[in-house]
Amino acid sequence: TYRPFLVRYRSGFVADWNEFTQHCGRFPKNIM
């Protein structure tokens, strides 16, 4: 499986997270 490890940050990006106590992901889910 391919996973995201390298992301370009853009000013104004609003992070949206998986609200899990474990295995929530390293990045906000909306980088997808």
ModelCIF file with pLDDT and N, C-alpha, C, O atoms, coordinates in Angstrom:
data_MODEL
#
_entry.id   MODEL 
#
_entity.id                         1 
_entity.type                       polymer 
_entity.pdbx_number_of_molecules   1 
#
_entity_poly.entity_id                      1 
_entity_poly.type                           'polypeptide(L)' 
_entity_poly.nstd_linkage                   no 
_entity_poly.nstd_monomer                   no 
_entity_poly.pdbx_seq_one_letter_code       TYRPFLVRYRSGFVADWNEFTQHCGRFPKNIM 
_entity_poly.pdbx_seq_one_letter_code_can   TYRPFLVRYRSGFVADWNEFTQHCGRFPKNIM 
_entity_poly.pdbx_strand_id                 A 
#
loop_
_entity_poly_seq.entity_id 
_entity_poly_seq.num 
_entity_poly_seq.mon_id 
_entity_poly_seq.hetero 
1 1  THR n 
1 2  TYR n 
1 3  ARG n 
1 4  PRO n 
1 5  PHE n 
1 6  LEU n 
1 7  VAL n 
1 8  ARG n 
1 9  TYR n 
1 10 ARG n 
1 11 SER n 
1 12 GLY n 
1 13 PHE n 
1 14 VAL n 
1 15 ALA n 
1 16 ASP n 
1 17 TRP n 
1 18 ASN n 
1 19 GLU n 
1 20 PHE n 
1 21 THR n 
1 22 GLN n 
1 23 HIS n 
1 24 CYS n 
1 25 GLY n 
1 26 ARG n 
1 27 PHE n 
1 28 PRO n 
1 29 LYS n 
1 30 ASN n 
1 31 ILE n 
1 32 MET n 
#
_struct_asym.id          A 
_struct_asym.entity_id   1 
#
loop_
_ma_qa_metric.id 
_ma_qa_metric.mode 
_ma_qa_metric.name 
_ma_qa_metric.software_group_id 
_ma_qa_metric.type 
1 global pLDDT . pLDDT 
2 local  pLDDT . pLDDT 
#
_ma_qa_metric_global.metric_id      1 
_ma_qa_metric_global.metric_value   91.12 
_ma_qa_metric_global.model_id       1 
_ma_qa_metric_global.ordinal_id     1 
#
loop_
_ma_qa_metric_local.label_asym_id 
_ma_qa_metric_local.label_comp_id 
_ma_qa_metric_local.label_seq_id 
_ma_qa_metric_local.metric_id 
_ma_qa_metric_local.metric_value 
_ma_qa_metric_local.model_id 
_ma_qa_metric_local.ordinal_id 
A THR 1  2 91.00 1 1  
A TYR 2  2 93.00 1 2  
A ARG 3  2 94.00 1 3  
A PRO 4  2 96.00 1 4  
A PHE 5  2 97.00 1 5  
A LEU 6  2 98.00 1 6  
A VAL 7  2 97.00 1 7  
A ARG 8  2 95.00 1 8  
A TYR 9  2 93.00 1 9  
A ARG 10 2 87.00 1 10 
A SER 11 2 82.00 1 11 
A GLY 12 2 82.00 1 12 
A PHE 13 2 89.00 1 13 
A VAL 14 2 90.00 1 14 
A ALA 15 2 93.00 1 15 
A ASP 16 2 93.00 1 16 
A TRP 17 2 94.00 1 17 
A ASN 18 2 92.00 1 18 
A GLU 19 2 91.00 1 19 
A PHE 20 2 89.00 1 20 
A THR 21 2 86.00 1 21 
A GLN 22 2 83.00 1 22 
A HIS 23 2 80.00 1 23 
A CYS 24 2 89.00 1 24 
A GLY 25 2 90.00 1 25 
A ARG 26 2 94.00 1 26 
A PHE 27 2 96.00 1 27 
A PRO 28 2 95.00 1 28 
A LYS 29 2 94.00 1 29 
A ASN 30 2 92.00 1 30 
A ILE 31 2 92.00 1 31 
A MET 32 2 89.00 1 32 
#
loop_
_atom_site.group_PDB 
_atom_site.id 
_atom_site.type_symbol 
_atom_site.label_atom_id 
_atom_site.label_alt_id 
_atom_site.label_comp_id 
_atom_site.label_asym_id 
_atom_site.label_entity_id 
_atom_site.label_seq_id 
_atom_site.pdbx_PDB_ins_code 
_atom_site.Cartn_x 
_atom_site.Cartn_y 
_atom_site.Cartn_z 
_atom_site.occupancy 
_atom_site.B_iso_or_equiv 
_atom_site.pdbx_formal_charge 
_atom_site.auth_seq_id 
_atom_site.auth_comp_id 
_atom_site.auth_asym_id 
_atom_site.auth_atom_id 
_atom_site.pdbx_PDB_model_num 
ATOM 1   N N  . THR A 1 1  ? 0.842   -1.201 0.000  1.00 91.00 ? 1  THR A N  1 
ATOM 2   C CA . THR A 1 1  ? 0.000   0.000  0.000  1.00 91.00 ? 1  THR A CA 1 
ATOM 3   C C  . THR A 1 1  ? 0.874   1.246  0.000  1.00 91.00 ? 1  THR A C  1 
ATOM 4   O O  . THR A 1 1  ? 1.901   1.298  0.676  1.00 91.00 ? 1  THR A O  1 
ATOM 5   N N  . TYR A 1 2  ? 0.456   2.244  -0.763 1.00 93.00 ? 2  TYR A N  1 
ATOM 6   C CA . TYR A 1 2  ? 1.154   3.531  -0.768 1.00 93.00 ? 2  TYR A CA 1 
ATOM 7   C C  . TYR A 1 2  ? 0.534   4.434  0.298  1.00 93.00 ? 2  TYR A C  1 
ATOM 8   O O  . TYR A 1 2  ? -0.687  4.507  0.430  1.00 93.00 ? 2  TYR A O  1 
ATOM 9   N N  . ARG A 1 3  ? 1.393   5.120  1.056  1.00 94.00 ? 3  ARG A N  1 
ATOM 10  C CA . ARG A 1 3  ? 0.938   6.002  2.133  1.00 94.00 ? 3  ARG A CA 1 
ATOM 11  C C  . ARG A 1 3  ? 1.614   7.368  2.007  1.00 94.00 ? 3  ARG A C  1 
ATOM 12  O O  . ARG A 1 3  ? 2.722   7.470  1.480  1.00 94.00 ? 3  ARG A O  1 
ATOM 13  N N  . PRO A 1 4  ? 0.943   8.416  2.492  1.00 96.00 ? 4  PRO A N  1 
ATOM 14  C CA . PRO A 1 4  ? 1.531   9.761  2.391  1.00 96.00 ? 4  PRO A CA 1 
ATOM 15  C C  . PRO A 1 4  ? 2.557   10.020 3.490  1.00 96.00 ? 4  PRO A C  1 
ATOM 16  O O  . PRO A 1 4  ? 2.281   9.822  4.673  1.00 96.00 ? 4  PRO A O  1 
ATOM 17  N N  . PHE A 1 5  ? 3.740   10.462 3.082  1.00 97.00 ? 5  PHE A N  1 
ATOM 18  C CA . PHE A 1 5  ? 4.764   10.861 4.039  1.00 97.00 ? 5  PHE A CA 1 
ATOM 19  C C  . PHE A 1 5  ? 5.336   12.248 3.732  1.00 97.00 ? 5  PHE A C  1 
ATOM 20  O O  . PHE A 1 5  ? 6.032   12.829 4.565  1.00 97.00 ? 5  PHE A O  1 
ATOM 21  N N  . LEU A 1 6  ? 5.047   12.778 2.546  1.00 98.00 ? 6  LEU A N  1 
ATOM 22  C CA . LEU A 1 6  ? 5.629   14.045 2.106  1.00 98.00 ? 6  LEU A CA 1 
ATOM 23  C C  . LEU A 1 6  ? 4.506   14.928 1.558  1.00 98.00 ? 6  LEU A C  1 
ATOM 24  O O  . LEU A 1 6  ? 3.844   14.567 0.585  1.00 98.00 ? 6  LEU A O  1 
ATOM 25  N N  . VAL A 1 7  ? 4.294   16.097 2.194  1.00 97.00 ? 7  VAL A N  1 
ATOM 26  C CA . VAL A 1 7  ? 3.162   16.955 1.856  1.00 97.00 ? 7  VAL A CA 1 
ATOM 27  C C  . VAL A 1 7  ? 3.636   18.398 1.675  1.00 97.00 ? 7  VAL A C  1 
ATOM 28  O O  . VAL A 1 7  ? 4.417   18.917 2.472  1.00 97.00 ? 7  VAL A O  1 
ATOM 29  N N  . ARG A 1 8  ? 3.146   19.029 0.610  1.00 95.00 ? 8  ARG A N  1 
ATOM 30  C CA . ARG A 1 8  ? 3.385   20.463 0.418  1.00 95.00 ? 8  ARG A CA 1 
ATOM 31  C C  . ARG A 1 8  ? 2.395   21.226 1.306  1.00 95.00 ? 8  ARG A C  1 
ATOM 32  O O  . ARG A 1 8  ? 1.192   20.970 1.260  1.00 95.00 ? 8  ARG A O  1 
ATOM 33  N N  . TYR A 1 9  ? 2.900   22.149 2.103  1.00 93.00 ? 9  TYR A N  1 
ATOM 34  C CA . TYR A 1 9  ? 1.991   22.945 2.942  1.00 93.00 ? 9  TYR A CA 1 
ATOM 35  C C  . TYR A 1 9  ? 1.618   24.223 2.221  1.00 93.00 ? 9  TYR A C  1 
ATOM 36  O O  . TYR A 1 9  ? 2.475   24.944 1.711  1.00 93.00 ? 9  TYR A O  1 
ATOM 37  N N  . ARG A 1 10 ? 0.325   24.489 2.187  1.00 87.00 ? 10 ARG A N  1 
ATOM 38  C CA . ARG A 1 10 ? -0.181  25.710 1.575  1.00 87.00 ? 10 ARG A CA 1 
ATOM 39  C C  . ARG A 1 10 ? -0.865  26.553 2.646  1.00 87.00 ? 10 ARG A C  1 
ATOM 40  O O  . ARG A 1 10 ? -1.683  26.052 3.417  1.00 87.00 ? 10 ARG A O  1 
ATOM 41  N N  . SER A 1 11 ? -0.523  27.827 2.683  1.00 82.00 ? 11 SER A N  1 
ATOM 42  C CA . SER A 1 11 ? -1.128  28.734 3.640  1.00 82.00 ? 11 SER A CA 1 
ATOM 43  C C  . SER A 1 11 ? -2.646  28.724 3.470  1.00 82.00 ? 11 SER A C  1 
ATOM 44  O O  . SER A 1 11 ? -3.152  28.787 2.350  1.00 82.00 ? 11 SER A O  1 
ATOM 45  N N  . GLY A 1 12 ? -3.357  28.647 4.573  1.00 82.00 ? 12 GLY A N  1 
ATOM 46  C CA . GLY A 1 12 ? -4.814  28.631 4.518  1.00 82.00 ? 12 GLY A CA 1 
ATOM 47  C C  . GLY A 1 12 ? -5.416  27.240 4.560  1.00 82.00 ? 12 GLY A C  1 
ATOM 48  O O  . GLY A 1 12 ? -6.633  27.098 4.680  1.00 82.00 ? 12 GLY A O  1 
ATOM 49  N N  . PHE A 1 13 ? -4.578  26.201 4.463  1.00 89.00 ? 13 PHE A N  1 
ATOM 50  C CA . PHE A 1 13 ? -5.088  24.833 4.554  1.00 89.00 ? 13 PHE A CA 1 
ATOM 51  C C  . PHE A 1 13 ? -5.669  24.594 5.949  1.00 89.00 ? 13 PHE A C  1 
ATOM 52  O O  . PHE A 1 13 ? -4.993  24.825 6.952  1.00 89.00 ? 13 PHE A O  1 
ATOM 53  N N  . VAL A 1 14 ? -6.911  24.136 6.013  1.00 90.00 ? 14 VAL A N  1 
ATOM 54  C CA . VAL A 1 14 ? -7.590  23.881 7.289  1.00 90.00 ? 14 VAL A CA 1 
ATOM 55  C C  . VAL A 1 14 ? -7.574  22.382 7.558  1.00 90.00 ? 14 VAL A C  1 
ATOM 56  O O  . VAL A 1 14 ? -8.177  21.604 6.819  1.00 90.00 ? 14 VAL A O  1 
ATOM 57  N N  . ALA A 1 15 ? -6.881  21.982 8.620  1.00 93.00 ? 15 ALA A N  1 
ATOM 58  C CA . ALA A 1 15 ? -6.696  20.559 8.912  1.00 93.00 ? 15 ALA A CA 1 
ATOM 59  C C  . ALA A 1 15 ? -7.972  19.939 9.472  1.00 93.00 ? 15 ALA A C  1 
ATOM 60  O O  . ALA A 1 15 ? -8.644  20.522 10.322 1.00 93.00 ? 15 ALA A O  1 
ATOM 61  N N  . ASP A 1 16 ? -8.289  18.750 8.978  1.00 93.00 ? 16 ASP A N  1 
ATOM 62  C CA . ASP A 1 16 ? -9.438  17.979 9.453  1.00 93.00 ? 16 ASP A CA 1 
ATOM 63  C C  . ASP A 1 16 ? -8.917  16.588 9.807  1.00 93.00 ? 16 ASP A C  1 
ATOM 64  O O  . ASP A 1 16 ? -8.337  15.910 8.959  1.00 93.00 ? 16 ASP A O  1 
ATOM 65  N N  . TRP A 1 17 ? -9.120  16.157 11.061 1.00 94.00 ? 17 TRP A N  1 
ATOM 66  C CA . TRP A 1 17 ? -8.456  14.960 11.563 1.00 94.00 ? 17 TRP A CA 1 
ATOM 67  C C  . TRP A 1 17 ? -9.433  13.804 11.784 1.00 94.00 ? 17 TRP A C  1 
ATOM 68  O O  . TRP A 1 17 ? -10.623 14.008 12.025 1.00 94.00 ? 17 TRP A O  1 
ATOM 69  N N  . ASN A 1 18 ? -8.901  12.599 11.696 1.00 92.00 ? 18 ASN A N  1 
ATOM 70  C CA . ASN A 1 18 ? -9.610  11.433 12.212 1.00 92.00 ? 18 ASN A CA 1 
ATOM 71  C C  . ASN A 1 18 ? -9.497  11.465 13.730 1.00 92.00 ? 18 ASN A C  1 
ATOM 72  O O  . ASN A 1 18 ? -8.392  11.382 14.266 1.00 92.00 ? 18 ASN A O  1 
ATOM 73  N N  . GLU A 1 19 ? -10.603 11.582 14.420 1.00 91.00 ? 19 GLU A N  1 
ATOM 74  C CA . GLU A 1 19 ? -10.577 11.741 15.876 1.00 91.00 ? 19 GLU A CA 1 
ATOM 75  C C  . GLU A 1 19 ? -10.497 10.376 16.555 1.00 91.00 ? 19 GLU A C  1 
ATOM 76  O O  . GLU A 1 19 ? -11.420 9.956  17.253 1.00 91.00 ? 19 GLU A O  1 
ATOM 77  N N  . PHE A 1 20 ? -9.364  9.687  16.332 1.00 89.00 ? 20 PHE A N  1 
ATOM 78  C CA . PHE A 1 20 ? -9.147  8.375  16.933 1.00 89.00 ? 20 PHE A CA 1 
ATOM 79  C C  . PHE A 1 20 ? -8.023  8.477  17.964 1.00 89.00 ? 20 PHE A C  1 
ATOM 80  O O  . PHE A 1 20 ? -7.039  9.183  17.744 1.00 89.00 ? 20 PHE A O  1 
ATOM 81  N N  . THR A 1 21 ? -8.166  7.782  19.070 1.00 86.00 ? 21 THR A N  1 
ATOM 82  C CA . THR A 1 21 ? -7.102  7.818  20.084 1.00 86.00 ? 21 THR A CA 1 
ATOM 83  C C  . THR A 1 21 ? -5.878  7.018  19.649 1.00 86.00 ? 21 THR A C  1 
ATOM 84  O O  . THR A 1 21 ? -4.772  7.252  20.137 1.00 86.00 ? 21 THR A O  1 
ATOM 85  N N  . GLN A 1 22 ? -6.079  6.066  18.723 1.00 83.00 ? 22 GLN A N  1 
ATOM 86  C CA . GLN A 1 22 ? -4.973  5.301  18.148 1.00 83.00 ? 22 GLN A CA 1 
ATOM 87  C C  . GLN A 1 22 ? -5.169  5.193  16.638 1.00 83.00 ? 22 GLN A C  1 
ATOM 88  O O  . GLN A 1 22 ? -6.298  5.153  16.148 1.00 83.00 ? 22 GLN A O  1 
ATOM 89  N N  . HIS A 1 23 ? -4.049  5.146  15.905 1.00 80.00 ? 23 HIS A N  1 
ATOM 90  C CA . HIS A 1 23 ? -4.076  4.976  14.449 1.00 80.00 ? 23 HIS A CA 1 
ATOM 91  C C  . HIS A 1 23 ? -4.912  6.069  13.757 1.00 80.00 ? 23 HIS A C  1 
ATOM 92  O O  . HIS A 1 23 ? -5.731  5.778  12.885 1.00 80.00 ? 23 HIS A O  1 
ATOM 93  N N  . CYS A 1 24 ? -4.692  7.301  14.154 1.00 89.00 ? 24 CYS A N  1 
ATOM 94  C CA . CYS A 1 24 ? -5.464  8.416  13.583 1.00 89.00 ? 24 CYS A CA 1 
ATOM 95  C C  . CYS A 1 24 ? -4.849  8.936  12.287 1.00 89.00 ? 24 CYS A C  1 
ATOM 96  O O  . CYS A 1 24 ? -5.484  9.699  11.559 1.00 89.00 ? 24 CYS A O  1 
ATOM 97  N N  . GLY A 1 25 ? -3.617  8.527  11.998 1.00 90.00 ? 25 GLY A N  1 
ATOM 98  C CA . GLY A 1 25 ? -2.908  9.046  10.824 1.00 90.00 ? 25 GLY A CA 1 
ATOM 99  C C  . GLY A 1 25 ? -1.947  10.154 11.213 1.00 90.00 ? 25 GLY A C  1 
ATOM 100 O O  . GLY A 1 25 ? -2.196  10.893 12.165 1.00 90.00 ? 25 GLY A O  1 
ATOM 101 N N  . ARG A 1 26 ? -0.854  10.269 10.480 1.00 94.00 ? 26 ARG A N  1 
ATOM 102 C CA . ARG A 1 26 ? 0.152   11.284 10.794 1.00 94.00 ? 26 ARG A CA 1 
ATOM 103 C C  . ARG A 1 26 ? -0.265  12.660 10.327 1.00 94.00 ? 26 ARG A C  1 
ATOM 104 O O  . ARG A 1 26 ? 0.071   13.673 10.941 1.00 94.00 ? 26 ARG A O  1 
ATOM 105 N N  . PHE A 1 27 ? -1.009  12.679 9.223  1.00 96.00 ? 27 PHE A N  1 
ATOM 106 C CA . PHE A 1 27 ? -1.439  13.934 8.624  1.00 96.00 ? 27 PHE A CA 1 
ATOM 107 C C  . PHE A 1 27 ? -2.943  14.102 8.794  1.00 96.00 ? 27 PHE A C  1 
ATOM 108 O O  . PHE A 1 27 ? -3.649  13.128 9.054  1.00 96.00 ? 27 PHE A O  1 
ATOM 109 N N  . PRO A 1 28 ? -3.443  15.338 8.649  1.00 95.00 ? 28 PRO A N  1 
ATOM 110 C CA . PRO A 1 28 ? -4.894  15.531 8.593  1.00 95.00 ? 28 PRO A CA 1 
ATOM 111 C C  . PRO A 1 28 ? -5.493  14.675 7.484  1.00 95.00 ? 28 PRO A C  1 
ATOM 112 O O  . PRO A 1 28 ? -4.868  14.475 6.442  1.00 95.00 ? 28 PRO A O  1 
ATOM 113 N N  . LYS A 1 29 ? -6.685  14.178 7.706  1.00 94.00 ? 29 LYS A N  1 
ATOM 114 C CA . LYS A 1 29 ? -7.287  13.262 6.731  1.00 94.00 ? 29 LYS A CA 1 
ATOM 115 C C  . LYS A 1 29 ? -7.610  13.938 5.401  1.00 94.00 ? 29 LYS A C  1 
ATOM 116 O O  . LYS A 1 29 ? -7.707  13.265 4.375  1.00 94.00 ? 29 LYS A O  1 
ATOM 117 N N  . ASN A 1 30 ? -7.779  15.278 5.410  1.00 92.00 ? 30 ASN A N  1 
ATOM 118 C CA . ASN A 1 30 ? -8.175  15.944 4.162  1.00 92.00 ? 30 ASN A CA 1 
ATOM 119 C C  . ASN A 1 30 ? -6.998  16.225 3.230  1.00 92.00 ? 30 ASN A C  1 
ATOM 120 O O  . ASN A 1 30 ? -7.186  16.849 2.186  1.00 92.00 ? 30 ASN A O  1 
ATOM 121 N N  . ILE A 1 31 ? -5.788  15.778 3.582  1.00 92.00 ? 31 ILE A N  1 
ATOM 122 C CA . ILE A 1 31 ? -4.721  15.840 2.565  1.00 92.00 ? 31 ILE A CA 1 
ATOM 123 C C  . ILE A 1 31 ? -5.038  14.880 1.421  1.00 92.00 ? 31 ILE A C  1 
ATOM 124 O O  . ILE A 1 31 ? -4.465  14.987 0.337  1.00 92.00 ? 31 ILE A O  1 
ATOM 125 N N  . MET A 1 32 ? -5.965  13.929 1.670  1.00 89.00 ? 32 MET A N  1 
ATOM 126 C CA . MET A 1 32 ? -6.362  12.981 0.619  1.00 89.00 ? 32 MET A CA 1 
ATOM 127 C C  . MET A 1 32 ? -7.038  13.699 -0.545 1.00 89.00 ? 32 MET A C  1 
ATOM 128 O O  . MET A 1 32 ? -7.437  13.058 -1.518 1.00 89.00 ? 32 MET A O  1 
#
